[in-house]
Structures are given as structure tokens and as C-alpha cells.
N, C-alpha and C. Protein backbone atom coordinates (compact mmCIF):
# COMPACT_ATOMS: atom_id res chain seq x y z
N MET A 1 0.85 -1.55 0.20
CA MET A 1 0.03 0.13 0.01
C MET A 1 0.79 1.73 0.28
N LYS A 2 0.62 2.34 -0.30
CA LYS A 2 0.93 3.42 -0.50
C LYS A 2 0.90 4.51 0.19
N VAL A 3 2.02 4.58 1.18
CA VAL A 3 1.37 5.85 2.21
C VAL A 3 1.20 7.23 1.33
N ARG A 4 0.26 7.89 2.32
CA ARG A 4 0.30 9.62 2.28
C ARG A 4 1.58 9.49 2.77
N ASN A 5 1.51 11.42 2.02
CA ASN A 5 1.95 12.04 2.76
C ASN A 5 2.21 13.03 4.17
N SER A 6 0.25 12.78 4.53
CA SER A 6 0.33 13.17 5.31
C SER A 6 0.50 12.18 6.53
N ILE A 7 -0.03 10.49 6.34
CA ILE A 7 -0.57 9.67 6.90
C ILE A 7 2.24 9.29 7.57
N ARG A 8 2.69 9.99 7.09
CA ARG A 8 3.92 9.59 7.69
C ARG A 8 4.63 11.16 7.69
N SER A 9 3.74 12.58 7.93
CA SER A 9 4.39 13.72 8.96
C SER A 9 3.62 13.10 10.17
N MET A 10 2.97 11.93 10.50
CA MET A 10 1.43 12.00 11.51
C MET A 10 2.27 11.31 12.49
N LYS A 11 3.34 10.29 11.50
CA LYS A 11 3.60 8.91 12.39
C LYS A 11 5.21 9.22 13.24
N ASN A 12 5.30 11.18 12.49
CA ASN A 12 7.32 11.22 12.77
C ASN A 12 7.18 12.14 14.66
N LYS A 13 5.31 11.92 14.55
CA LYS A 13 4.89 13.28 16.03
C LYS A 13 4.96 12.43 17.04
N PRO A 14 5.15 12.23 18.81
CA PRO A 14 5.92 11.11 19.45
C PRO A 14 4.75 11.03 20.04
N GLY A 15 4.57 9.44 20.59
CA GLY A 15 3.36 9.45 20.30
C GLY A 15 2.81 8.41 19.44
N ALA A 16 2.91 8.66 18.25
CA ALA A 16 1.57 8.20 17.54
C ALA A 16 2.43 6.16 16.74
N GLN A 17 1.58 6.23 16.81
CA GLN A 17 0.82 4.17 16.23
C GLN A 17 0.82 4.35 15.61
N VAL A 18 1.37 3.74 13.86
CA VAL A 18 0.45 3.18 13.08
C VAL A 18 -0.56 1.80 12.65
N VAL A 19 -1.13 1.99 12.51
CA VAL A 19 -2.56 0.26 12.82
C VAL A 19 -2.71 0.36 11.66
N ARG A 20 -3.36 -0.94 11.50
CA ARG A 20 -3.61 -1.91 9.94
C ARG A 20 -4.96 -2.20 10.78
N ARG A 21 -5.45 -2.14 10.32
CA ARG A 21 -7.12 -2.75 11.04
C ARG A 21 -8.13 -2.93 9.70
N ARG A 22 -8.87 -4.12 9.90
CA ARG A 22 -9.10 -4.27 8.75
C ARG A 22 -9.15 -3.14 6.94
N GLY A 23 -7.34 -3.68 6.99
CA GLY A 23 -7.49 -3.47 5.29
C GLY A 23 -7.10 -1.54 6.02
N ARG A 24 -7.26 -1.22 6.56
CA ARG A 24 -7.54 0.17 6.67
C ARG A 24 -5.45 0.42 7.40
N LEU A 25 -5.50 2.09 7.22
CA LEU A 25 -3.49 2.61 7.75
C LEU A 25 -4.18 3.20 8.73
N TYR A 26 -4.88 3.67 10.20
CA TYR A 26 -5.20 4.02 10.65
C TYR A 26 -3.33 4.91 11.08
N VAL A 27 -3.56 5.94 11.88
CA VAL A 27 -2.31 6.19 12.55
C VAL A 27 -2.87 6.70 14.29
N ILE A 28 -2.69 6.41 15.33
CA ILE A 28 -3.28 7.33 16.48
C ILE A 28 -2.36 7.58 17.38
N ASN A 29 -3.14 7.92 18.14
CA ASN A 29 -1.67 8.67 18.96
C ASN A 29 -2.34 9.18 20.08
N LYS A 30 -2.32 8.24 21.28
CA LYS A 30 -2.68 8.45 22.79
C LYS A 30 -1.87 9.81 23.82
N LYS A 31 -1.25 10.71 22.81
CA LYS A 31 -0.72 12.04 23.88
C LYS A 31 -1.17 13.00 23.58
N GLU A 32 -1.94 12.96 22.46
CA GLU A 32 -2.55 14.20 21.56
C GLU A 32 -3.35 13.22 20.52
N PRO A 33 -5.20 13.19 21.94
CA PRO A 33 -5.61 12.35 20.17
C PRO A 33 -6.46 12.95 19.53
N ARG A 34 -5.96 14.02 19.47
CA ARG A 34 -7.14 14.82 17.95
C ARG A 34 -6.09 13.90 16.65
N PHE A 35 -4.66 14.10 16.74
CA PHE A 35 -3.74 13.72 15.57
C PHE A 35 -4.08 12.72 15.02
N LYS A 36 -4.83 12.24 14.36
CA LYS A 36 -5.87 10.49 14.30
C LYS A 36 -5.33 10.50 12.93
N THR A 37 -5.36 9.92 11.35
CA THR A 37 -5.54 9.71 10.46
C THR A 37 -5.82 8.19 10.20
N ARG A 38 -6.38 8.75 8.88
CA ARG A 38 -7.27 6.76 8.10
C ARG A 38 -6.87 6.81 7.03
N GLN A 39 -5.95 5.82 6.24
CA GLN A 39 -6.04 5.52 4.94
C GLN A 39 -6.28 4.31 4.42
N GLY A 40 -7.61 4.97 3.07
CA GLY A 40 -7.85 3.76 2.50
C GLY A 40 -8.92 3.29 3.06
């Protein structure tokens, strides 16, 4: 899967985790809950 630039910049933030759920790519952040992205 090609990763979008917005996701690449999100996963560099402190506390960010890249998670694959049901074929989708999510970035979730426990430290800053408003930083969330989804691809696919």
C-alpha cells in the first residue's frame, strides 16, 4: 500500500502508532488524541 504524505508526517509525531485494521491504515496518538489519520 502506498502511504500518503499526511500519514508519513503524522507518524513522526511523539506518541504516534501506525495500526492496520480491516485493511485500513490508521495513525493513532495516545498523547495527542486529536492527531488521527486514516488511509484506505
